[in-house]
Amino acid sequence: SPQQFYHALLRKNKEAEADVMGAVVYAHNVTNERTWNQILEWEQPYRRVCPTPKLLRFVGRSEELSHGAWWTSKFSYLGKPFDRHDWFVDRCGLKTVRYVIDYYDDPKATEDGLEITIDTRPALDSLAAAADRCRQ
C-alpha cells in the first residue's frame, strides 16, 4: 500500500512525500511486473524442465554499476541507471539463476505511461548464462 511504501522509505532514511506515494507504488508495481516478464522471456528455453520459475529473493545494488550499465553510460543517451537489482530465480529446484537488472530514466520509453527502460539479463556467472545471453 502507499502507506507501507512510505514508511519503508522512511525506515531506510530516504526522502518520501506522502502525497505522491500512490503514483510511486503504481510505478514500482508496474516496473516489477515488467522486470518479471523480461525474466520469463529469458526463461523460455527452459520451460520444458521448469514451467514455473519462482523469484527467491532480490538484492538492491543501486550504488554499483553493472558492466552493462557502465557501457550504456558511456555510449548511450540513457546515461547511468537510477537503480540496479540482482534477482535470484529458482528454476524448479534444479538451479538458481541470478539476473542483473538496470533501470534507466528514458524519455523515449512510454510503455505503461512510465518513462523507464529496464535492461534485464542473466548474470555472467556460468557458461550456460553466457550461452543464454548469446541466444538473445
N, C-alpha and C. Protein backbone atom coordinates (compact mmCIF):
# COMPACT_ATOMS: atom_id res chain seq x y z
N SER A 1 0.84 -1.18 0.00
CA SER A 1 0.00 0.00 0.00
C SER A 1 0.89 1.25 0.00
N PRO A 2 0.35 2.38 -0.41
CA PRO A 2 1.14 3.61 -0.37
C PRO A 2 1.68 3.93 1.03
N GLN A 3 0.88 3.66 2.05
CA GLN A 3 1.33 3.94 3.42
C GLN A 3 2.51 3.04 3.80
N GLN A 4 2.44 1.76 3.46
CA GLN A 4 3.53 0.83 3.77
C GLN A 4 4.80 1.26 3.04
N PHE A 5 4.65 1.63 1.78
CA PHE A 5 5.80 2.05 0.98
C PHE A 5 6.44 3.30 1.59
N TYR A 6 5.60 4.25 1.98
CA TYR A 6 6.06 5.49 2.59
C TYR A 6 6.88 5.20 3.85
N HIS A 7 6.36 4.34 4.72
CA HIS A 7 7.06 4.02 5.96
C HIS A 7 8.35 3.23 5.69
N ALA A 8 8.34 2.39 4.67
CA ALA A 8 9.56 1.66 4.31
C ALA A 8 10.65 2.64 3.86
N LEU A 9 10.29 3.65 3.09
CA LEU A 9 11.26 4.65 2.66
C LEU A 9 11.81 5.42 3.86
N LEU A 10 10.94 5.77 4.78
CA LEU A 10 11.39 6.50 5.97
C LEU A 10 12.35 5.64 6.80
N ARG A 11 12.05 4.33 6.93
CA ARG A 11 12.95 3.44 7.68
C ARG A 11 14.33 3.38 7.05
N LYS A 12 14.39 3.54 5.73
CA LYS A 12 15.67 3.49 5.01
C LYS A 12 16.32 4.87 4.91
N ASN A 13 15.75 5.84 5.64
CA ASN A 13 16.25 7.22 5.63
C ASN A 13 16.26 7.83 4.24
N LYS A 14 15.25 7.50 3.44
CA LYS A 14 15.12 8.08 2.10
C LYS A 14 14.02 9.13 2.13
N GLU A 15 14.18 10.11 1.27
CA GLU A 15 13.16 11.16 1.20
C GLU A 15 11.86 10.57 0.69
N ALA A 16 10.77 11.01 1.28
CA ALA A 16 9.46 10.49 0.89
C ALA A 16 8.41 11.58 1.06
N GLU A 17 7.58 11.73 0.05
CA GLU A 17 6.46 12.66 0.12
C GLU A 17 5.19 11.83 0.13
N ALA A 18 4.45 11.93 1.21
CA ALA A 18 3.27 11.10 1.40
C ALA A 18 2.23 11.29 0.30
N ASP A 19 2.11 12.50 -0.22
CA ASP A 19 1.04 12.77 -1.20
C ASP A 19 1.30 12.18 -2.58
N VAL A 20 2.50 11.69 -2.85
CA VAL A 20 2.78 11.09 -4.16
C VAL A 20 2.98 9.57 -4.07
N MET A 21 2.76 9.00 -2.91
CA MET A 21 3.02 7.57 -2.73
C MET A 21 2.15 6.69 -3.62
N GLY A 22 0.94 7.11 -3.92
CA GLY A 22 0.08 6.32 -4.82
C GLY A 22 0.74 6.15 -6.18
N ALA A 23 1.27 7.23 -6.73
CA ALA A 23 1.95 7.17 -8.03
C ALA A 23 3.25 6.38 -7.93
N VAL A 24 3.96 6.51 -6.82
CA VAL A 24 5.21 5.78 -6.63
C VAL A 24 4.94 4.28 -6.56
N VAL A 25 3.92 3.88 -5.83
CA VAL A 25 3.58 2.47 -5.71
C VAL A 25 3.14 1.92 -7.07
N TYR A 26 2.36 2.69 -7.82
CA TYR A 26 1.96 2.25 -9.16
C TYR A 26 3.19 2.01 -10.03
N ALA A 27 4.11 2.97 -10.06
CA ALA A 27 5.32 2.84 -10.88
C ALA A 27 6.15 1.65 -10.42
N HIS A 28 6.26 1.46 -9.12
CA HIS A 28 7.03 0.34 -8.57
C HIS A 28 6.41 -0.99 -8.98
N ASN A 29 5.10 -1.11 -8.86
CA ASN A 29 4.43 -2.35 -9.22
C ASN A 29 4.54 -2.65 -10.71
N VAL A 30 4.32 -1.65 -11.55
CA VAL A 30 4.43 -1.85 -12.99
C VAL A 30 5.86 -2.23 -13.37
N THR A 31 6.82 -1.57 -12.78
CA THR A 31 8.22 -1.86 -13.06
C THR A 31 8.58 -3.29 -12.65
N ASN A 32 8.11 -3.72 -11.49
CA ASN A 32 8.38 -5.10 -11.06
C ASN A 32 7.73 -6.11 -12.01
N GLU A 33 6.51 -5.83 -12.44
CA GLU A 33 5.84 -6.74 -13.39
C GLU A 33 6.59 -6.81 -14.71
N ARG A 34 7.04 -5.67 -15.21
CA ARG A 34 7.80 -5.66 -16.46
C ARG A 34 9.12 -6.41 -16.30
N THR A 35 9.77 -6.23 -15.17
CA THR A 35 11.02 -6.95 -14.90
C THR A 35 10.78 -8.45 -14.89
N TRP A 36 9.74 -8.90 -14.18
CA TRP A 36 9.44 -10.33 -14.11
C TRP A 36 9.11 -10.88 -15.50
N ASN A 37 8.38 -10.14 -16.30
CA ASN A 37 8.06 -10.59 -17.66
C ASN A 37 9.32 -10.73 -18.50
N GLN A 38 10.27 -9.84 -18.32
CA GLN A 38 11.54 -9.97 -19.05
C GLN A 38 12.30 -11.21 -18.59
N ILE A 39 12.28 -11.49 -17.31
CA ILE A 39 12.93 -12.70 -16.81
C ILE A 39 12.25 -13.93 -17.39
N LEU A 40 10.94 -13.94 -17.44
CA LEU A 40 10.23 -15.08 -18.02
C LEU A 40 10.59 -15.28 -19.49
N GLU A 41 10.85 -14.20 -20.22
CA GLU A 41 11.31 -14.34 -21.60
C GLU A 41 12.65 -15.05 -21.65
N TRP A 42 13.57 -14.68 -20.75
CA TRP A 42 14.86 -15.36 -20.70
C TRP A 42 14.70 -16.83 -20.30
N GLU A 43 13.70 -17.13 -19.49
CA GLU A 43 13.48 -18.49 -19.01
C GLU A 43 12.76 -19.38 -20.03
N GLN A 44 12.26 -18.83 -21.10
CA GLN A 44 11.51 -19.61 -22.10
C GLN A 44 12.23 -20.87 -22.59
N PRO A 45 13.52 -20.81 -22.89
CA PRO A 45 14.18 -22.04 -23.37
C PRO A 45 14.15 -23.19 -22.36
N TYR A 46 13.85 -22.90 -21.11
CA TYR A 46 13.86 -23.91 -20.05
C TYR A 46 12.46 -24.32 -19.60
N ARG A 47 11.44 -23.89 -20.33
CA ARG A 47 10.07 -24.13 -19.88
C ARG A 47 9.70 -25.61 -19.81
N ARG A 48 10.37 -26.47 -20.59
CA ARG A 48 10.08 -27.91 -20.51
C ARG A 48 10.56 -28.50 -19.19
N VAL A 49 11.73 -28.07 -18.74
CA VAL A 49 12.26 -28.60 -17.47
C VAL A 49 11.75 -27.81 -16.27
N CYS A 50 11.32 -26.56 -16.52
CA CYS A 50 10.81 -25.72 -15.42
C CYS A 50 9.73 -24.79 -15.95
N PRO A 51 8.49 -25.24 -15.92
CA PRO A 51 7.41 -24.38 -16.43
C PRO A 51 7.06 -23.21 -15.52
N THR A 52 7.46 -23.27 -14.25
CA THR A 52 7.08 -22.21 -13.31
C THR A 52 8.28 -21.77 -12.45
N PRO A 53 9.20 -21.00 -13.04
CA PRO A 53 10.29 -20.46 -12.21
C PRO A 53 9.73 -19.51 -11.16
N LYS A 54 10.46 -19.39 -10.07
CA LYS A 54 9.99 -18.54 -8.96
C LYS A 54 11.12 -17.62 -8.49
N LEU A 55 10.71 -16.43 -8.09
CA LEU A 55 11.66 -15.48 -7.53
C LEU A 55 11.99 -15.91 -6.10
N LEU A 56 13.28 -16.13 -5.85
CA LEU A 56 13.72 -16.49 -4.49
C LEU A 56 13.94 -15.25 -3.64
N ARG A 57 14.67 -14.28 -4.22
CA ARG A 57 14.98 -13.05 -3.49
C ARG A 57 15.55 -12.05 -4.48
N PHE A 58 15.67 -10.83 -4.02
CA PHE A 58 16.36 -9.83 -4.82
C PHE A 58 17.22 -8.98 -3.91
N VAL A 59 18.24 -8.39 -4.52
CA VAL A 59 19.16 -7.54 -3.78
C VAL A 59 19.26 -6.23 -4.53
N GLY A 60 18.97 -5.13 -3.84
CA GLY A 60 19.16 -3.81 -4.43
C GLY A 60 20.64 -3.45 -4.40
N ARG A 61 21.16 -3.02 -5.54
CA ARG A 61 22.58 -2.66 -5.62
C ARG A 61 22.73 -1.33 -6.35
N SER A 62 21.94 -0.36 -5.94
CA SER A 62 21.87 0.91 -6.65
C SER A 62 23.19 1.68 -6.69
N GLU A 63 24.07 1.39 -5.77
CA GLU A 63 25.35 2.09 -5.73
C GLU A 63 26.40 1.47 -6.65
N GLU A 64 26.11 0.29 -7.21
CA GLU A 64 27.08 -0.42 -8.04
C GLU A 64 26.63 -0.43 -9.49
N LEU A 65 27.51 -0.01 -10.39
CA LEU A 65 27.22 -0.09 -11.82
C LEU A 65 27.54 -1.50 -12.31
N SER A 66 26.61 -2.10 -13.01
CA SER A 66 26.93 -3.37 -13.67
C SER A 66 27.83 -3.06 -14.86
N HIS A 67 28.44 -4.10 -15.42
CA HIS A 67 29.27 -3.89 -16.60
C HIS A 67 28.45 -3.31 -17.75
N GLY A 68 27.24 -3.86 -17.92
CA GLY A 68 26.36 -3.34 -18.97
C GLY A 68 25.99 -1.89 -18.76
N ALA A 69 25.73 -1.53 -17.52
CA ALA A 69 25.39 -0.14 -17.21
C ALA A 69 26.57 0.79 -17.45
N TRP A 70 27.77 0.31 -17.17
CA TRP A 70 28.95 1.13 -17.45
C TRP A 70 29.02 1.44 -18.94
N TRP A 71 28.88 0.41 -19.78
CA TRP A 71 28.91 0.61 -21.23
C TRP A 71 27.78 1.53 -21.68
N THR A 72 26.60 1.30 -21.15
CA THR A 72 25.45 2.15 -21.53
C THR A 72 25.70 3.59 -21.13
N SER A 73 26.28 3.80 -19.96
CA SER A 73 26.53 5.17 -19.50
C SER A 73 27.53 5.90 -20.40
N LYS A 74 28.41 5.15 -21.04
CA LYS A 74 29.43 5.76 -21.91
C LYS A 74 28.95 5.96 -23.35
N PHE A 75 28.10 5.06 -23.82
CA PHE A 75 27.79 5.03 -25.25
C PHE A 75 26.31 5.15 -25.59
N SER A 76 25.47 5.55 -24.65
CA SER A 76 24.04 5.66 -24.91
C SER A 76 23.50 6.97 -24.33
N TYR A 77 22.41 7.42 -24.88
CA TYR A 77 21.76 8.62 -24.35
C TYR A 77 21.16 8.37 -22.97
N LEU A 78 21.03 7.09 -22.57
CA LEU A 78 20.39 6.77 -21.30
C LEU A 78 21.20 7.21 -20.09
N GLY A 79 22.52 7.24 -20.21
CA GLY A 79 23.35 7.59 -19.06
C GLY A 79 23.37 6.47 -18.04
N LYS A 80 23.58 6.83 -16.78
CA LYS A 80 23.65 5.83 -15.71
C LYS A 80 22.23 5.45 -15.27
N PRO A 81 22.06 4.20 -14.83
CA PRO A 81 20.74 3.79 -14.33
C PRO A 81 20.44 4.46 -12.99
N PHE A 82 19.15 4.62 -12.72
CA PHE A 82 18.77 5.18 -11.42
C PHE A 82 18.69 4.08 -10.36
N ASP A 83 18.69 2.81 -10.80
CA ASP A 83 18.65 1.72 -9.84
C ASP A 83 19.19 0.46 -10.50
N ARG A 84 19.62 -0.47 -9.66
CA ARG A 84 20.07 -1.78 -10.12
C ARG A 84 19.63 -2.80 -9.10
N HIS A 85 19.18 -3.95 -9.59
CA HIS A 85 18.83 -5.08 -8.73
C HIS A 85 19.49 -6.33 -9.27
N ASP A 86 19.73 -7.27 -8.40
CA ASP A 86 20.03 -8.64 -8.79
C ASP A 86 18.86 -9.48 -8.28
N TRP A 87 18.21 -10.21 -9.18
CA TRP A 87 17.11 -11.09 -8.80
C TRP A 87 17.59 -12.53 -8.93
N PHE A 88 17.28 -13.34 -7.93
CA PHE A 88 17.67 -14.74 -7.91
C PHE A 88 16.42 -15.58 -8.15
N VAL A 89 16.47 -16.37 -9.22
CA VAL A 89 15.31 -17.13 -9.66
C VAL A 89 15.58 -18.63 -9.49
N ASP A 90 14.61 -19.30 -8.89
CA ASP A 90 14.68 -20.75 -8.71
C ASP A 90 14.09 -21.41 -9.94
N ARG A 91 14.92 -22.18 -10.61
CA ARG A 91 14.48 -22.92 -11.79
C ARG A 91 14.02 -24.31 -11.34
N CYS A 92 12.88 -24.32 -10.62
CA CYS A 92 12.20 -25.55 -10.17
C CYS A 92 13.10 -26.48 -9.38
N GLY A 93 13.96 -25.91 -8.54
CA GLY A 93 14.83 -26.71 -7.69
C GLY A 93 16.05 -27.26 -8.40
N LEU A 94 16.15 -27.04 -9.70
CA LEU A 94 17.28 -27.57 -10.47
C LEU A 94 18.48 -26.65 -10.42
N LYS A 95 18.21 -25.36 -10.34
CA LYS A 95 19.29 -24.38 -10.42
C LYS A 95 18.77 -23.03 -9.96
N THR A 96 19.64 -22.24 -9.37
CA THR A 96 19.33 -20.84 -9.06
C THR A 96 20.07 -19.98 -10.07
N VAL A 97 19.34 -19.08 -10.69
CA VAL A 97 19.90 -18.21 -11.72
C VAL A 97 19.81 -16.77 -11.24
N ARG A 98 20.92 -16.06 -11.36
CA ARG A 98 20.95 -14.64 -10.98
C ARG A 98 20.75 -13.79 -12.24
N TYR A 99 19.86 -12.83 -12.14
CA TYR A 99 19.62 -11.87 -13.21
C TYR A 99 20.06 -10.49 -12.74
N VAL A 100 20.71 -9.76 -13.63
CA VAL A 100 21.11 -8.39 -13.37
C VAL A 100 20.10 -7.49 -14.06
N ILE A 101 19.58 -6.51 -13.32
CA ILE A 101 18.58 -5.60 -13.88
C ILE A 101 19.01 -4.17 -13.62
N ASP A 102 19.09 -3.40 -14.71
CA ASP A 102 19.38 -1.98 -14.62
C ASP A 102 18.14 -1.21 -15.04
N TYR A 103 17.81 -0.17 -14.27
CA TYR A 103 16.62 0.65 -14.52
C TYR A 103 17.07 2.06 -14.91
N TYR A 104 16.60 2.51 -16.07
CA TYR A 104 17.01 3.80 -16.61
C TYR A 104 15.82 4.73 -16.78
N ASP A 105 16.02 6.01 -16.46
CA ASP A 105 15.08 7.04 -16.88
C ASP A 105 15.22 7.16 -18.38
N ASP A 106 14.09 7.13 -19.10
CA ASP A 106 14.15 7.17 -20.56
C ASP A 106 12.96 7.93 -21.11
N PRO A 107 13.18 9.18 -21.51
CA PRO A 107 12.07 9.98 -22.05
C PRO A 107 11.50 9.41 -23.35
N LYS A 108 12.24 8.52 -24.02
CA LYS A 108 11.74 7.92 -25.27
C LYS A 108 10.86 6.70 -25.02
N ALA A 109 10.90 6.16 -23.83
CA ALA A 109 10.08 5.00 -23.49
C ALA A 109 8.77 5.47 -22.88
N THR A 110 7.67 4.94 -23.36
CA THR A 110 6.37 5.38 -22.84
C THR A 110 5.46 4.21 -22.51
N GLU A 111 6.00 3.00 -22.43
CA GLU A 111 5.19 1.84 -22.10
C GLU A 111 4.57 2.02 -20.72
N ASP A 112 3.28 1.74 -20.60
CA ASP A 112 2.55 1.84 -19.33
C ASP A 112 2.56 3.26 -18.76
N GLY A 113 2.84 4.24 -19.60
CA GLY A 113 2.88 5.62 -19.13
C GLY A 113 4.12 5.96 -18.32
N LEU A 114 5.07 5.05 -18.26
CA LEU A 114 6.29 5.28 -17.50
C LEU A 114 7.46 5.50 -18.45
N GLU A 115 8.29 6.44 -18.15
CA GLU A 115 9.48 6.72 -18.96
C GLU A 115 10.67 5.97 -18.37
N ILE A 116 10.57 4.65 -18.43
CA ILE A 116 11.60 3.80 -17.83
C ILE A 116 11.97 2.70 -18.82
N THR A 117 13.26 2.48 -18.97
CA THR A 117 13.76 1.34 -19.72
C THR A 117 14.39 0.37 -18.72
N ILE A 118 14.05 -0.89 -18.87
CA ILE A 118 14.55 -1.93 -17.98
C ILE A 118 15.44 -2.85 -18.80
N ASP A 119 16.68 -3.03 -18.37
CA ASP A 119 17.62 -3.92 -19.04
C ASP A 119 17.84 -5.12 -18.12
N THR A 120 17.24 -6.25 -18.50
CA THR A 120 17.29 -7.47 -17.71
C THR A 120 18.08 -8.52 -18.47
N ARG A 121 19.03 -9.18 -17.79
CA ARG A 121 19.79 -10.24 -18.44
C ARG A 121 20.40 -11.16 -17.38
N PRO A 122 20.66 -12.42 -17.80
CA PRO A 122 21.32 -13.33 -16.86
C PRO A 122 22.71 -12.81 -16.51
N ALA A 123 23.07 -12.92 -15.26
CA ALA A 123 24.43 -12.56 -14.85
C ALA A 123 25.39 -13.56 -15.47
N LEU A 124 26.56 -13.09 -15.80
CA LEU A 124 27.56 -13.99 -16.41
C LEU A 124 28.28 -14.79 -15.33
N ASP A 125 27.50 -15.64 -14.65
CA ASP A 125 28.02 -16.46 -13.57
C ASP A 125 28.44 -17.85 -14.03
N SER A 126 28.09 -18.21 -15.27
CA SER A 126 28.37 -19.56 -15.76
C SER A 126 28.43 -19.55 -17.28
N LEU A 127 28.95 -20.62 -17.84
CA LEU A 127 28.96 -20.76 -19.30
C LEU A 127 27.54 -20.84 -19.85
N ALA A 128 26.64 -21.49 -19.10
CA ALA A 128 25.24 -21.57 -19.54
C ALA A 128 24.62 -20.18 -19.63
N ALA A 129 24.91 -19.33 -18.67
CA ALA A 129 24.38 -17.96 -18.71
C ALA A 129 24.95 -17.19 -19.89
N ALA A 130 26.23 -17.39 -20.17
CA ALA A 130 26.85 -16.75 -21.34
C ALA A 130 26.18 -17.23 -22.62
N ALA A 131 25.92 -18.54 -22.70
CA ALA A 131 25.24 -19.07 -23.88
C ALA A 131 23.84 -18.49 -24.01
N ASP A 132 23.13 -18.36 -22.90
CA ASP A 132 21.78 -17.76 -22.93
C ASP A 132 21.86 -16.34 -23.47
N ARG A 133 22.84 -15.59 -23.02
CA ARG A 133 22.98 -14.19 -23.49
C ARG A 133 23.29 -14.14 -24.97
N CYS A 134 24.04 -15.10 -25.47
CA CYS A 134 24.36 -15.13 -26.90
C CYS A 134 23.14 -15.47 -27.75
N ARG A 135 22.20 -16.22 -27.17
CA ARG A 135 20.99 -16.61 -27.91
C ARG A 135 20.04 -15.45 -28.16
N GLN A 136 20.06 -14.44 -27.30
CA GLN A 136 19.10 -13.36 -27.47
C GLN A 136 19.70 -12.11 -28.01
